[in-house]
Each structure stands twice: as structure tokens, then as C-alpha cells.
Protein backbone atom coordinates (compact mmCIF):
# COMPACT_ATOMS: atom_id res chain seq x y z
CA MET A 1 49.55 -10.90 7.19
CA ARG A 2 48.06 -7.64 7.59
CA SER A 3 51.03 -6.48 9.55
CA LEU A 4 53.14 -7.76 6.69
CA PHE A 5 51.48 -5.48 4.23
CA ALA A 6 51.49 -2.36 6.12
CA LEU A 7 55.19 -2.69 6.96
CA GLY A 8 55.57 -3.23 2.96
CA LEU A 9 53.47 -0.15 2.30
CA ILE A 10 55.54 2.03 4.95
CA ALA A 11 58.77 0.58 3.27
CA VAL A 12 57.52 1.81 -0.13
CA LEU A 13 56.62 5.33 1.08
CA VAL A 14 59.87 5.93 2.73
CA THR A 15 62.02 4.69 -0.16
CA VAL A 16 59.93 6.88 -2.65
CA GLY A 17 59.76 9.92 0.07
CA CYS A 18 57.78 13.38 -0.82
CA LYS A 19 61.11 15.22 -2.17
CA LYS A 20 60.48 18.13 0.01
CA SER A 21 63.88 18.27 0.45
CA GLN A 22 65.60 19.74 -3.04
CA PRO A 23 68.70 21.81 -2.96
CA ILE A 24 67.36 25.28 -2.92
CA THR A 25 67.66 26.79 -6.51
CA ALA A 26 68.93 30.80 -7.43
CA ALA A 27 65.51 30.74 -9.51
CA THR A 28 63.71 30.60 -6.05
CA THR A 29 65.93 32.50 -3.78
CA SER A 30 65.87 35.84 -5.94
CA THR A 31 63.93 38.60 -5.17
CA PRO A 32 60.10 38.74 -6.96
CA PRO A 33 59.58 41.40 -9.12
CA PRO A 34 58.16 45.09 -7.51
CA ALA A 35 54.40 44.75 -8.07
CA ALA A 36 52.79 47.22 -10.64
CA PRO A 37 51.36 50.46 -9.54
CA ALA A 38 47.60 49.64 -8.86
CA ALA A 39 45.73 51.10 -11.78
CA PRO A 40 42.81 54.02 -10.65
CA ASN A 41 39.82 52.75 -10.06
CA PRO A 42 37.24 54.70 -12.90
CA GLY A 43 33.79 53.06 -11.48
CA ASN A 44 34.76 54.73 -7.99
CA THR A 45 36.38 57.89 -8.55
CA ASN A 46 34.37 59.85 -6.08
CA TYR A 47 35.56 57.42 -3.27
CA GLN A 48 35.82 59.43 0.08
CA ALA A 49 38.44 58.23 2.20
CA GLY A 50 37.66 58.13 5.93
CA GLY A 51 34.28 59.31 4.45
CA GLY A 52 32.51 56.16 5.94
CA ALA A 53 30.84 53.44 4.30
CA VAL A 54 27.19 54.52 4.40
CA GLN A 55 28.34 58.00 2.53
CA ASN A 56 30.32 55.65 0.21
CA VAL A 57 27.29 53.60 -0.10
CA ARG A 58 25.24 56.23 -0.76
CA GLN A 59 27.85 58.36 -3.14
CA ALA A 60 27.96 54.97 -5.33
CA GLY A 61 24.14 54.59 -5.53
CA ARG A 62 23.82 58.02 -6.64
CA ARG A 63 26.33 57.53 -9.27
CA THR A 64 24.43 54.67 -10.21
CA VAL A 65 20.93 56.44 -10.46
CA ALA A 66 22.99 59.17 -12.26
CA LEU A 67 24.75 56.86 -14.75
CA ASN A 68 21.27 55.15 -15.84
CA ASP A 69 19.43 58.72 -16.33
CA LEU A 70 22.35 59.26 -18.65
CA HIS A 71 21.50 55.99 -20.55
CA ASN A 72 17.90 56.83 -20.73
CA LEU A 73 18.66 60.27 -21.97
CA GLY A 74 20.77 58.81 -24.78
CA LEU A 75 18.17 56.30 -25.66
CA ALA A 76 15.90 59.29 -26.35
CA ILE A 77 17.98 61.35 -28.10
CA LYS A 78 18.78 58.42 -30.16
CA GLN A 79 15.36 57.90 -31.03
CA VAL A 80 14.38 61.75 -31.83
CA GLU A 81 17.61 61.44 -34.13
CA THR A 82 15.72 58.27 -35.60
CA LEU A 83 12.69 59.80 -36.00
CA ASP A 84 13.51 63.20 -37.26
CA GLY A 85 16.58 62.29 -39.19
CA ARG A 86 19.29 64.62 -37.29
CA MET A 87 20.59 65.72 -33.99
CA PRO A 88 17.60 67.08 -31.80
CA ASP A 89 18.15 70.83 -30.16
CA LYS A 90 17.91 71.39 -26.57
CA ALA A 91 14.44 71.92 -26.62
CA ARG A 92 13.33 68.98 -28.73
CA ILE A 93 15.29 66.81 -26.28
CA ILE A 94 13.56 68.36 -22.98
CA GLU A 95 10.39 67.87 -24.85
CA GLU A 96 10.94 64.36 -25.48
CA VAL A 97 12.28 63.57 -21.82
CA LYS A 98 9.02 64.65 -20.25
CA THR A 99 7.79 61.36 -19.36
CA TYR A 100 10.75 59.96 -17.95
CA PRO A 101 10.59 60.27 -14.28
CA ASN A 102 14.34 61.65 -13.11
CA ILE A 103 15.44 63.34 -16.26
CA PRO A 104 13.55 66.54 -16.43
CA ALA A 105 14.07 67.51 -13.05
CA ALA A 106 18.04 66.77 -13.41
CA ILE A 107 17.99 69.21 -16.40
CA ASN A 108 15.98 72.00 -14.87
CA GLU A 109 18.07 71.90 -11.52
CA GLY A 110 21.28 71.84 -13.47
CA VAL A 111 22.50 68.23 -12.29
CA ILE A 112 22.29 67.33 -16.40
CA ILE A 113 23.92 69.63 -18.64
CA LEU A 114 22.69 69.26 -22.31
CA THR A 115 25.35 70.66 -24.57
CA GLY A 116 22.86 71.32 -27.66
CA THR A 117 25.66 69.52 -30.05
CA MET A 118 24.61 68.63 -33.58
CA ASN A 119 27.70 65.93 -33.97
CA SER A 120 25.98 62.52 -33.42
CA GLY A 121 29.14 61.15 -32.07
CA GLY A 122 30.14 64.20 -29.67
CA LEU A 123 29.24 65.01 -26.21
CA TRP A 124 25.64 65.29 -26.00
CA ALA A 125 25.54 65.79 -21.85
CA TYR A 126 27.08 65.74 -18.59
CA GLU A 127 27.15 65.99 -15.01
CA VAL A 128 27.56 68.92 -13.53
CA ASP A 129 30.97 69.78 -12.49
CA ALA A 130 32.17 66.75 -14.68
CA ASN A 131 34.33 69.35 -16.44
CA ARG A 132 36.17 70.38 -13.27
CA VAL A 133 36.08 67.25 -11.18
CA GLY A 134 35.20 64.31 -13.81
CA GLY A 135 31.97 62.26 -13.67
CA LEU A 136 29.30 61.15 -15.94
CA VAL A 137 29.02 61.96 -19.68
CA LEU A 138 26.95 61.02 -22.69
CA VAL A 139 29.02 60.91 -25.59
CA GLY A 140 27.70 59.48 -28.64
CA GLY A 141 24.69 57.97 -26.96
CA VAL A 142 26.98 56.00 -24.52
CA ALA A 143 26.62 56.77 -20.98
CA ARG A 144 30.40 56.47 -19.07
CA ARG A 145 32.41 58.12 -16.46
CA ALA A 146 35.26 60.40 -17.44
CA GLU A 147 38.21 62.17 -16.21
CA ALA A 148 37.99 66.40 -16.16
CA THR A 149 40.71 67.07 -19.23
CA GLU A 150 38.30 64.48 -21.21
CA VAL A 151 35.30 66.60 -20.55
CA GLN A 152 37.23 69.79 -21.47
CA GLN A 153 38.64 68.15 -24.41
CA LEU A 154 35.18 67.03 -25.48
CA LEU A 155 33.44 70.48 -24.80
CA ALA A 156 36.19 72.21 -26.83
CA GLN A 157 35.40 70.01 -29.80
CA GLN A 158 32.02 71.46 -29.39
């Protein structure tokens, strides 16, 4: 009985088939469209090809710390702007960020450049050399990456 059932099942499977032997149509033989060029990755524009994995990881860590410092600087400037009712000048910003661990040293060493803008939507600060090679900027209280041409345009609007 079992063998008869097994033969019946095999007969059904053979007659149904798997339909793999379908004829090739024109749609499947056409060449695929060319792949779009890869967009540049704005999160890692300082990647050093051939610089080694350790070097690139350290650079990514430095960028993360710098982005966090600019974010905290933006929060401090917004707080002063809310308290005073106007954008603070450079001296007031430096006075406000004295309690932050990294920001005063970065400003004093020239790693972060304060623009002294009085426009709340303008360029508040940027990373050294960002106007030449791109880097981190603080625009309207938002820390982000920017290309050199964008930084130059923002500086021209001051």
C-alpha cells in the first residue's frame, strides 16, 4: 500500500513538473541598465585611501568628537540667544562655553573658528580649513558636514 501511494505521488510530481524549462524571452536576455554612479558618502569625506584601517578609524573618531563639540557649541549659543534675546558675540560665547571640556581649547587653538555672526540662521562656527577642503560647520545651530564651496558661500553671506 505504501509503495502504491509513493508511486502515485511520484507520478503526480512528474506530471506537474517544476516549470524550469520555460523558453527564454527577450526581456530576460536584454542587458541590465547601467548602474548609477555611486554617490559620494558625506559621512566619510576625509577617507584616506591606502592610509590604513587604523588611521581611518582614528579619523572617524576625531570627526565624531568634533561634530559633538560643534553640536554642544550650538546648544550653548542657542541658550545664550534665548536668555539675551539676541545672538551673542564671540566674547559672550567663549564665556558661556568655559564649562565644556573640549570647546574652549578647540576655540583657543583655532580648531573651531567662531564667525561672530549676528544672523541666527547663518554660519556660527566652522572647523579649521573647512573653507578649503570641506569639513564640519555649525549653521543656524545645526552641526553638519559641508563641502568647501558651501562653506565659502556661507562665509560670503556674513
